[in-house]
Amino acid sequence: MKNNTITTVLNGVLAVSLLLSVIFCLQFIFLSREARSISGQVNGINAFRASVQALVNDCVAYAEKNPAISPILESVGVKTKTTPTKQPGTR
């Protein structure tokens, strides 16, 4: 009789352990799939950001050669307004 009780308890513990293992395995599968999806989105966003940054750098370099583009760059906040500085001894 003592052996039947121990066997029943151990079978119950085994069943609970098996159920929890299946639940945790499914959670891991779904979360890792979501992480891979989000990682792909982050890589796309970073690539877009790098291309926009390269475009901005090109525009700033172009503004040094052709200052007519400076008001546009100032309006979008890429370049700050440069005020002419007074030379010492001038009014």
PDB file of N, CA and C in Angstrom:
ATOM      1  N   MET A   1       0.810  -1.189   0.000  1.00  0.00           N
ATOM      2  CA  MET A   1       0.000   0.000   0.000  1.00  0.00           C
ATOM      3  C   MET A   1       0.860   1.262   0.000  1.00  0.00           C
ATOM      4  N   LYS A   2       1.968   1.172   0.732  1.00  0.00           N
ATOM      5  CA  LYS A   2       2.852   2.321   0.786  1.00  0.00           C
ATOM      6  C   LYS A   2       3.448   2.595  -0.595  1.00  0.00           C
ATOM      7  N   ASN A   3       3.764   1.564  -1.352  1.00  0.00           N
ATOM      8  CA  ASN A   3       4.333   1.731  -2.674  1.00  0.00           C
ATOM      9  C   ASN A   3       3.336   2.353  -3.647  1.00  0.00           C
ATOM     10  N   ASN A   4       2.075   2.041  -3.551  1.00  0.00           N
ATOM     11  CA  ASN A   4       1.054   2.614  -4.421  1.00  0.00           C
ATOM     12  C   ASN A   4       0.922   4.112  -4.196  1.00  0.00           C
ATOM     13  N   THR A   5       0.986   4.569  -2.969  1.00  0.00           N
ATOM     14  CA  THR A   5       0.853   5.988  -2.646  1.00  0.00           C
ATOM     15  C   THR A   5       2.050   6.767  -3.202  1.00  0.00           C
ATOM     16  N   ILE A   6       3.243   6.215  -2.990  1.00  0.00           N
ATOM     17  CA  ILE A   6       4.444   6.898  -3.489  1.00  0.00           C
ATOM     18  C   ILE A   6       4.419   6.937  -5.012  1.00  0.00           C
ATOM     19  N   THR A   7       4.022   5.867  -5.641  1.00  0.00           N
ATOM     20  CA  THR A   7       3.962   5.810  -7.104  1.00  0.00           C
ATOM     21  C   THR A   7       2.942   6.808  -7.634  1.00  0.00           C
ATOM     22  N   THR A   8       1.806   6.926  -6.989  1.00  0.00           N
ATOM     23  CA  THR A   8       0.768   7.862  -7.420  1.00  0.00           C
ATOM     24  C   THR A   8       1.262   9.302  -7.294  1.00  0.00           C
ATOM     25  N   VAL A   9       1.910   9.619  -6.181  1.00  0.00           N
ATOM     26  CA  VAL A   9       2.424  10.976  -5.968  1.00  0.00           C
ATOM     27  C   VAL A   9       3.497  11.294  -7.011  1.00  0.00           C
ATOM     28  N   LEU A  10       4.411  10.347  -7.252  1.00  0.00           N
ATOM     29  CA  LEU A  10       5.458  10.581  -8.243  1.00  0.00           C
ATOM     30  C   LEU A  10       4.895  10.714  -9.650  1.00  0.00           C
ATOM     31  N   ASN A  11       3.870   9.949  -9.961  1.00  0.00           N
ATOM     32  CA  ASN A  11       3.216  10.096 -11.274  1.00  0.00           C
ATOM     33  C   ASN A  11       2.547  11.466 -11.411  1.00  0.00           C
ATOM     34  N   GLY A  12       1.948  11.955 -10.331  1.00  0.00           N
ATOM     35  CA  GLY A  12       1.335  13.291 -10.341  1.00  0.00           C
ATOM     36  C   GLY A  12       2.384  14.375 -10.532  1.00  0.00           C
ATOM     37  N   VAL A  13       3.508  14.259  -9.846  1.00  0.00           N
ATOM     38  CA  VAL A  13       4.600  15.225  -9.997  1.00  0.00           C
ATOM     39  C   VAL A  13       5.145  15.187 -11.423  1.00  0.00           C
ATOM     40  N   LEU A  14       5.278  13.983 -11.977  1.00  0.00           N
ATOM     41  CA  LEU A  14       5.743  13.837 -13.342  1.00  0.00           C
ATOM     42  C   LEU A  14       4.778  14.490 -14.327  1.00  0.00           C
ATOM     43  N   ALA A  15       3.477  14.318 -14.116  1.00  0.00           N
ATOM     44  CA  ALA A  15       2.470  14.903 -15.007  1.00  0.00           C
ATOM     45  C   ALA A  15       2.521  16.433 -14.948  1.00  0.00           C
ATOM     46  N   VAL A  16       2.660  16.989 -13.742  1.00  0.00           N
ATOM     47  CA  VAL A  16       2.740  18.446 -13.594  1.00  0.00           C
ATOM     48  C   VAL A  16       4.014  18.970 -14.254  1.00  0.00           C
ATOM     49  N   SER A  17       5.112  18.257 -14.056  1.00  0.00           N
ATOM     50  CA  SER A  17       6.381  18.655 -14.672  1.00  0.00           C
ATOM     51  C   SER A  17       6.288  18.614 -16.195  1.00  0.00           C
ATOM     52  N   LEU A  18       5.661  17.587 -16.729  1.00  0.00           N
ATOM     53  CA  LEU A  18       5.493  17.470 -18.170  1.00  0.00           C
ATOM     54  C   LEU A  18       4.637  18.607 -18.715  1.00  0.00           C
ATOM     55  N   LEU A  19       3.548  18.920 -18.040  1.00  0.00           N
ATOM     56  CA  LEU A  19       2.664  20.000 -18.471  1.00  0.00           C
ATOM     57  C   LEU A  19       3.390  21.340 -18.455  1.00  0.00           C
ATOM     58  N   LEU A  20       4.136  21.616 -17.391  1.00  0.00           N
ATOM     59  CA  LEU A  20       4.891  22.868 -17.315  1.00  0.00           C
ATOM     60  C   LEU A  20       5.979  22.934 -18.391  1.00  0.00           C
ATOM     61  N   SER A  21       6.605  21.800 -18.683  1.00  0.00           N
ATOM     62  CA  SER A  21       7.629  21.776 -19.732  1.00  0.00           C
ATOM     63  C   SER A  21       7.035  22.124 -21.086  1.00  0.00           C
ATOM     64  N   VAL A  22       5.870  21.609 -21.391  1.00  0.00           N
ATOM     65  CA  VAL A  22       5.213  21.912 -22.662  1.00  0.00           C
ATOM     66  C   VAL A  22       4.841  23.387 -22.729  1.00  0.00           C
ATOM     67  N   ILE A  23       4.315  23.928 -21.634  1.00  0.00           N
ATOM     68  CA  ILE A  23       3.927  25.345 -21.604  1.00  0.00           C
ATOM     69  C   ILE A  23       5.148  26.230 -21.814  1.00  0.00           C
ATOM     70  N   PHE A  24       6.250  25.958 -21.110  1.00  0.00           N
ATOM     71  CA  PHE A  24       7.453  26.774 -21.237  1.00  0.00           C
ATOM     72  C   PHE A  24       8.081  26.641 -22.616  1.00  0.00           C
ATOM     73  N   CYS A  25       8.015  25.465 -23.193  1.00  0.00           N
ATOM     74  CA  CYS A  25       8.554  25.253 -24.536  1.00  0.00           C
ATOM     75  C   CYS A  25       7.769  26.076 -25.562  1.00  0.00           C
ATOM     76  N   LEU A  26       6.441  26.071 -25.450  1.00  0.00           N
ATOM     77  CA  LEU A  26       5.621  26.853 -26.365  1.00  0.00           C
ATOM     78  C   LEU A  26       5.873  28.351 -26.193  1.00  0.00           C
ATOM     79  N   GLN A  27       6.005  28.797 -24.948  1.00  0.00           N
ATOM     80  CA  GLN A  27       6.312  30.203 -24.708  1.00  0.00           C
ATOM     81  C   GLN A  27       7.642  30.579 -25.349  1.00  0.00           C
ATOM     82  N   PHE A  28       8.637  29.734 -25.204  1.00  0.00           N
ATOM     83  CA  PHE A  28       9.945  30.005 -25.792  1.00  0.00           C
ATOM     84  C   PHE A  28       9.861  30.090 -27.308  1.00  0.00           C
ATOM     85  N   ILE A  29       9.120  29.197 -27.921  1.00  0.00           N
ATOM     86  CA  ILE A  29       8.989  29.196 -29.384  1.00  0.00           C
ATOM     87  C   ILE A  29       8.327  30.476 -29.864  1.00  0.00           C
ATOM     88  N   PHE A  30       7.226  30.865 -29.233  1.00  0.00           N
ATOM     89  CA  PHE A  30       6.510  32.062 -29.667  1.00  0.00           C
ATOM     90  C   PHE A  30       7.327  33.329 -29.411  1.00  0.00           C
ATOM     91  N   LEU A  31       7.999  33.413 -28.260  1.00  0.00           N
ATOM     92  CA  LEU A  31       8.791  34.605 -27.962  1.00  0.00           C
ATOM     93  C   LEU A  31      10.022  34.712 -28.847  1.00  0.00           C
ATOM     94  N   SER A  32      10.655  33.606 -29.160  1.00  0.00           N
ATOM     95  CA  SER A  32      11.823  33.676 -30.038  1.00  0.00           C
ATOM     96  C   SER A  32      11.412  34.043 -31.457  1.00  0.00           C
ATOM     97  N   ARG A  33      10.258  33.578 -31.909  1.00  0.00           N
ATOM     98  CA  ARG A  33       9.754  33.958 -33.229  1.00  0.00           C
ATOM     99  C   ARG A  33       9.455  35.454 -33.271  1.00  0.00           C
ATOM    100  N   GLU A  34       8.863  35.971 -32.212  1.00  0.00           N
ATOM    101  CA  GLU A  34       8.569  37.403 -32.142  1.00  0.00           C
ATOM    102  C   GLU A  34       9.866  38.221 -32.090  1.00  0.00           C
ATOM    103  N   ALA A  35      10.847  37.738 -31.356  1.00  0.00           N
ATOM    104  CA  ALA A  35      12.133  38.444 -31.264  1.00  0.00           C
ATOM    105  C   ALA A  35      12.821  38.504 -32.628  1.00  0.00           C
ATOM    106  N   ARG A  36      12.763  37.426 -33.394  1.00  0.00           N
ATOM    107  CA  ARG A  36      13.352  37.432 -34.732  1.00  0.00           C
ATOM    108  C   ARG A  36      12.629  38.415 -35.644  1.00  0.00           C
ATOM    109  N   SER A  37      11.309  38.483 -35.522  1.00  0.00           N
ATOM    110  CA  SER A  37      10.535  39.414 -36.325  1.00  0.00           C
ATOM    111  C   SER A  37      10.880  40.859 -35.975  1.00  0.00           C
ATOM    112  N   ILE A  38      10.956  41.151 -34.706  1.00  0.00           N
ATOM    113  CA  ILE A  38      11.291  42.501 -34.266  1.00  0.00           C
ATOM    114  C   ILE A  38      12.718  42.853 -34.661  1.00  0.00           C
ATOM    115  N   SER A  39      13.617  41.892 -34.596  1.00  0.00           N
ATOM    116  CA  SER A  39      15.007  42.134 -34.987  1.00  0.00           C
ATOM    117  C   SER A  39      15.096  42.527 -36.460  1.00  0.00           C
ATOM    118  N   GLY A  40      14.311  41.891 -37.307  1.00  0.00           N
ATOM    119  CA  GLY A  40      14.280  42.252 -38.719  1.00  0.00           C
ATOM    120  C   GLY A  40      13.766  43.667 -38.924  1.00  0.00           C
ATOM    121  N   GLN A  41      12.744  44.049 -38.172  1.00  0.00           N
ATOM    122  CA  GLN A  41      12.210  45.396 -38.270  1.00  0.00           C
ATOM    123  C   GLN A  41      13.235  46.422 -37.807  1.00  0.00           C
ATOM    124  N   VAL A  42      13.947  46.120 -36.732  1.00  0.00           N
ATOM    125  CA  VAL A  42      14.967  47.034 -36.215  1.00  0.00           C
ATOM    126  C   VAL A  42      16.088  47.206 -37.238  1.00  0.00           C
ATOM    127  N   ASN A  43      16.492  46.121 -37.883  1.00  0.00           N
ATOM    128  CA  ASN A  43      17.535  46.217 -38.911  1.00  0.00           C
ATOM    129  C   ASN A  43      17.077  47.091 -40.074  1.00  0.00           C
ATOM    130  N   GLY A  44      15.828  46.973 -40.476  1.00  0.00           N
ATOM    131  CA  GLY A  44      15.290  47.812 -41.547  1.00  0.00           C
ATOM    132  C   GLY A  44      15.253  49.278 -41.154  1.00  0.00           C
ATOM    133  N   ILE A  45      14.848  49.552 -39.938  1.00  0.00           N
ATOM    134  CA  ILE A  45      14.796  50.930 -39.444  1.00  0.00           C
ATOM    135  C   ILE A  45      16.202  51.519 -39.377  1.00  0.00           C
ATOM    136  N   ASN A  46      17.172  50.745 -38.903  1.00  0.00           N
ATOM    137  CA  ASN A  46      18.543  51.240 -38.822  1.00  0.00           C
ATOM    138  C   ASN A  46      19.121  51.516 -40.213  1.00  0.00           C
ATOM    139  N   ALA A  47      18.802  50.687 -41.186  1.00  0.00           N
ATOM    140  CA  ALA A  47      19.272  50.915 -42.552  1.00  0.00           C
ATOM    141  C   ALA A  47      18.662  52.190 -43.125  1.00  0.00           C
ATOM    142  N   PHE A  48      17.370  52.396 -42.884  1.00  0.00           N
ATOM    143  CA  PHE A  48      16.709  53.617 -43.348  1.00  0.00           C
ATOM    144  C   PHE A  48      17.312  54.842 -42.679  1.00  0.00           C
ATOM    145  N   ARG A  49      17.566  54.737 -41.379  1.00  0.00           N
ATOM    146  CA  ARG A  49      18.147  55.851 -40.630  1.00  0.00           C
ATOM    147  C   ARG A  49      19.538  56.192 -41.159  1.00  0.00           C
ATOM    148  N   ALA A  50      20.324  55.188 -41.480  1.00  0.00           N
ATOM    149  CA  ALA A  50      21.670  55.424 -42.007  1.00  0.00           C
ATOM    150  C   ALA A  50      21.609  56.104 -43.372  1.00  0.00           C
ATOM    151  N   SER A  51      20.655  55.702 -44.206  1.00  0.00           N
ATOM    152  CA  SER A  51      20.548  56.330 -45.525  1.00  0.00           C
ATOM    153  C   SER A  51      20.076  57.780 -45.412  1.00  0.00           C
ATOM    154  N   VAL A  52      19.171  58.053 -44.487  1.00  0.00           N
ATOM    155  CA  VAL A  52      18.718  59.432 -44.279  1.00  0.00           C
ATOM    156  C   VAL A  52      19.866  60.278 -43.729  1.00  0.00           C
ATOM    157  N   GLN A  53      20.649  59.715 -42.817  1.00  0.00           N
ATOM    158  CA  GLN A  53      21.784  60.443 -42.268  1.00  0.00           C
ATOM    159  C   GLN A  53      22.817  60.747 -43.354  1.00  0.00           C
ATOM    160  N   ALA A  54      23.044  59.808 -44.267  1.00  0.00           N
ATOM    161  CA  ALA A  54      23.969  60.042 -45.376  1.00  0.00           C
ATOM    162  C   ALA A  54      23.445  61.159 -46.283  1.00  0.00           C
ATOM    163  N   LEU A  55      22.130  61.179 -46.523  1.00  0.00           N
ATOM    164  CA  LEU A  55      21.533  62.240 -47.334  1.00  0.00           C
ATOM    165  C   LEU A  55      21.700  63.595 -46.664  1.00  0.00           C
ATOM    166  N   VAL A  56      21.477  63.649 -45.360  1.00  0.00           N
ATOM    167  CA  VAL A  56      21.635  64.902 -44.620  1.00  0.00           C
ATOM    168  C   VAL A  56      23.084  65.371 -44.689  1.00  0.00           C
ATOM    169  N   ASN A  57      24.022  64.462 -44.525  1.00  0.00           N
ATOM    170  CA  ASN A  57      25.432  64.840 -44.607  1.00  0.00           C
ATOM    171  C   ASN A  57      25.777  65.379 -45.994  1.00  0.00           C
ATOM    172  N   ASP A  58      25.241  64.757 -47.030  1.00  0.00           N
ATOM    173  CA  ASP A  58      25.470  65.253 -48.384  1.00  0.00           C
ATOM    174  C   ASP A  58      24.870  66.638 -48.579  1.00  0.00           C
ATOM    175  N   CYS A  59      23.705  66.874 -48.019  1.00  0.00           N
ATOM    176  CA  CYS A  59      23.064  68.188 -48.145  1.00  0.00           C
ATOM    177  C   CYS A  59      23.875  69.265 -47.429  1.00  0.00           C
ATOM    178  N   VAL A  60      24.396  68.943 -46.256  1.00  0.00           N
ATOM    179  CA  VAL A  60      25.212  69.910 -45.521  1.00  0.00           C
ATOM    180  C   VAL A  60      26.497  70.205 -46.295  1.00  0.00           C
ATOM    181  N   ALA A  61      27.097  69.191 -46.883  1.00  0.00           N
ATOM    182  CA  ALA A  61      28.302  69.403 -47.688  1.00  0.00           C
ATOM    183  C   ALA A  61      27.978  70.242 -48.925  1.00  0.00           C
ATOM    184  N   TYR A  62      26.833  70.007 -49.525  1.00  0.00           N
ATOM    185  CA  TYR A  62      26.418  70.790 -50.690  1.00  0.00           C
ATOM    186  C   TYR A  62      26.147  72.234 -50.300  1.00  0.00           C
ATOM    187  N   ALA A  63      25.643  72.462 -49.078  1.00  0.00           N
ATOM    188  CA  ALA A  63      25.343  73.817 -48.619  1.00  0.00           C
ATOM    189  C   ALA A  63      26.605  74.656 -48.490  1.00  0.00           C
ATOM    190  N   GLU A  64      27.743  74.006 -48.289  1.00  0.00           N
ATOM    191  CA  GLU A  64      28.992  74.766 -48.218  1.00  0.00           C
ATOM    192  C   GLU A  64      29.356  75.322 -49.594  1.00  0.00           C
ATOM    193  N   LYS A  65      29.006  74.612 -50.660  1.00  0.00           N
ATOM    194  CA  LYS A  65      29.299  75.067 -52.020  1.00  0.00           C
ATOM    195  C   LYS A  65      28.210  75.996 -52.552  1.00  0.00           C
ATOM    196  N   ASN A  66      26.976  75.722 -52.189  1.00  0.00           N
ATOM    197  CA  ASN A  66      25.840  76.506 -52.669  1.00  0.00           C
ATOM    198  C   ASN A  66      24.985  76.900 -51.471  1.00  0.00           C
ATOM    199  N   PRO A  67      25.184  78.089 -50.929  1.00  0.00           N
ATOM    200  CA  PRO A  67      24.458  78.484 -49.711  1.00  0.00           C
ATOM    201  C   PRO A  67      22.959  78.731 -49.919  1.00  0.00           C
ATOM    202  N   ALA A  68      22.448  78.629 -51.131  1.00  0.00           N
ATOM    203  CA  ALA A  68      21.021  78.841 -51.363  1.00  0.00           C
ATOM    204  C   ALA A  68      20.177  77.759 -50.695  1.00  0.00           C
ATOM    205  N   ILE A  69      20.760  76.624 -50.394  1.00  0.00           N
ATOM    206  CA  ILE A  69      20.021  75.535 -49.764  1.00  0.00           C
ATOM    207  C   ILE A  69      19.983  75.673 -48.235  1.00  0.00           C
ATOM    208  N   SER A  70      20.761  76.582 -47.701  1.00  0.00           N
ATOM    209  CA  SER A  70      20.839  76.751 -46.240  1.00  0.00           C
ATOM    210  C   SER A  70      19.504  77.063 -45.585  1.00  0.00           C
ATOM    211  N   PRO A  71      18.649  77.949 -46.156  1.00  0.00           N
ATOM    212  CA  PRO A  71      17.347  78.191 -45.494  1.00  0.00           C
ATOM    213  C   PRO A  71      16.488  76.932 -45.379  1.00  0.00           C
ATOM    214  N   ILE A  72      16.585  76.053 -46.346  1.00  0.00           N
ATOM    215  CA  ILE A  72      15.817  74.801 -46.288  1.00  0.00           C
ATOM    216  C   ILE A  72      16.354  73.917 -45.171  1.00  0.00           C
ATOM    217  N   LEU A  73      17.678  73.829 -45.074  1.00  0.00           N
ATOM    218  CA  LEU A  73      18.278  73.015 -44.019  1.00  0.00           C
ATOM    219  C   LEU A  73      17.988  73.596 -42.635  1.00  0.00           C
ATOM    220  N   GLU A  74      17.936  74.923 -42.542  1.00  0.00           N
ATOM    221  CA  GLU A  74      17.608  75.560 -41.267  1.00  0.00           C
ATOM    222  C   GLU A  74      16.152  75.319 -40.891  1.00  0.00           C
ATOM    223  N   SER A  75      15.261  75.298 -41.887  1.00  0.00           N
ATOM    224  CA  SER A  75      13.838  75.113 -41.587  1.00  0.00           C
ATOM    225  C   SER A  75      13.526  73.707 -41.071  1.00  0.00           C
ATOM    226  N   VAL A  76      14.312  72.710 -41.475  1.00  0.00           N
ATOM    227  CA  VAL A  76      14.073  71.354 -40.985  1.00  0.00           C
ATOM    228  C   VAL A  76      14.935  71.028 -39.769  1.00  0.00           C
ATOM    229  N   GLY A  77      15.780  71.968 -39.350  1.00  0.00           N
ATOM    230  CA  GLY A  77      16.554  71.780 -38.126  1.00  0.00           C
ATOM    231  C   GLY A  77      17.856  71.042 -38.305  1.00  0.00           C
ATOM    232  N   VAL A  78      18.323  70.912 -39.533  1.00  0.00           N
ATOM    233  CA  VAL A  78      19.581  70.213 -39.776  1.00  0.00           C
ATOM    234  C   VAL A  78      20.750  71.137 -39.511  1.00  0.00           C
ATOM    235  N   LYS A  79      20.581  72.388 -39.865  1.00  0.00           N
ATOM    236  CA  LYS A  79      21.655  73.360 -39.750  1.00  0.00           C
ATOM    237  C   LYS A  79      21.131  74.540 -38.948  1.00  0.00           C
ATOM    238  N   THR A  80      21.958  75.082 -38.085  1.00  0.00           N
ATOM    239  CA  THR A  80      21.537  76.242 -37.311  1.00  0.00           C
ATOM    240  C   THR A  80      21.884  77.507 -38.080  1.00  0.00           C
ATOM    241  N   LYS A  81      21.152  78.545 -37.776  1.00  0.00           N
ATOM    242  CA  LYS A  81      21.404  79.814 -38.445  1.00  0.00           C
ATOM    243  C   LYS A  81      22.756  80.345 -38.017  1.00  0.00           C
ATOM    244  N   THR A  82      23.487  80.770 -38.982  1.00  0.00           N
ATOM    245  CA  THR A  82      24.790  81.359 -38.673  1.00  0.00           C
ATOM    246  C   THR A  82      24.667  82.861 -38.836  1.00  0.00           C
ATOM    247  N   THR A  83      24.901  83.568 -37.762  1.00  0.00           N
ATOM    248  CA  THR A  83      24.841  85.024 -37.813  1.00  0.00           C
ATOM    249  C   THR A  83      26.249  85.523 -38.044  1.00  0.00           C
ATOM    250  N   PRO A  84      26.381  86.524 -38.871  1.00  0.00           N
ATOM    251  CA  PRO A  84      27.714  87.061 -39.117  1.00  0.00           C
ATOM    252  C   PRO A  84      28.296  87.627 -37.824  1.00  0.00           C
ATOM    253  N   THR A  85      29.500  87.276 -37.553  1.00  0.00           N
ATOM    254  CA  THR A  85      30.154  87.785 -36.338  1.00  0.00           C
ATOM    255  C   THR A  85      30.837  89.099 -36.652  1.00  0.00           C
ATOM    256  N   LYS A  86      30.807  89.967 -35.678  1.00  0.00           N
ATOM    257  CA  LYS A  86      31.438  91.273 -35.861  1.00  0.00           C
ATOM    258  C   LYS A  86      32.940  91.139 -35.711  1.00  0.00           C
ATOM    259  N   GLN A  87      33.624  91.805 -36.591  1.00  0.00           N
ATOM    260  CA  GLN A  87      35.069  91.837 -36.501  1.00  0.00           C
ATOM    261  C   GLN A  87      35.460  92.879 -35.466  1.00  0.00           C
ATOM    262  N   PRO A  88      36.502  92.629 -34.718  1.00  0.00           N
ATOM    263  CA  PRO A  88      36.934  93.645 -33.737  1.00  0.00           C
ATOM    264  C   PRO A  88      37.270  94.954 -34.438  1.00  0.00           C
ATOM    265  N   GLY A  89      36.784  96.018 -33.863  1.00  0.00           N
ATOM    266  CA  GLY A  89      37.054  97.337 -34.411  1.00  0.00           C
ATOM    267  C   GLY A  89      36.019  97.816 -35.395  1.00  0.00           C
ATOM    268  N   THR A  90      34.960  97.018 -35.680  1.00  0.00           N
ATOM    269  CA  THR A  90      33.892  97.458 -36.576  1.00  0.00           C
ATOM    270  C   THR A  90      32.615  97.609 -35.788  1.00  0.00           C
ATOM    271  N   ARG A  91      31.720  98.416 -36.347  1.00  0.00           N
ATOM    272  CA  ARG A  91      30.454  98.665 -35.655  1.00  0.00           C
ATOM    273  C   ARG A  91      29.321  98.005 -36.328  1.00  0.00           C
TER     274      ARG A  91
END
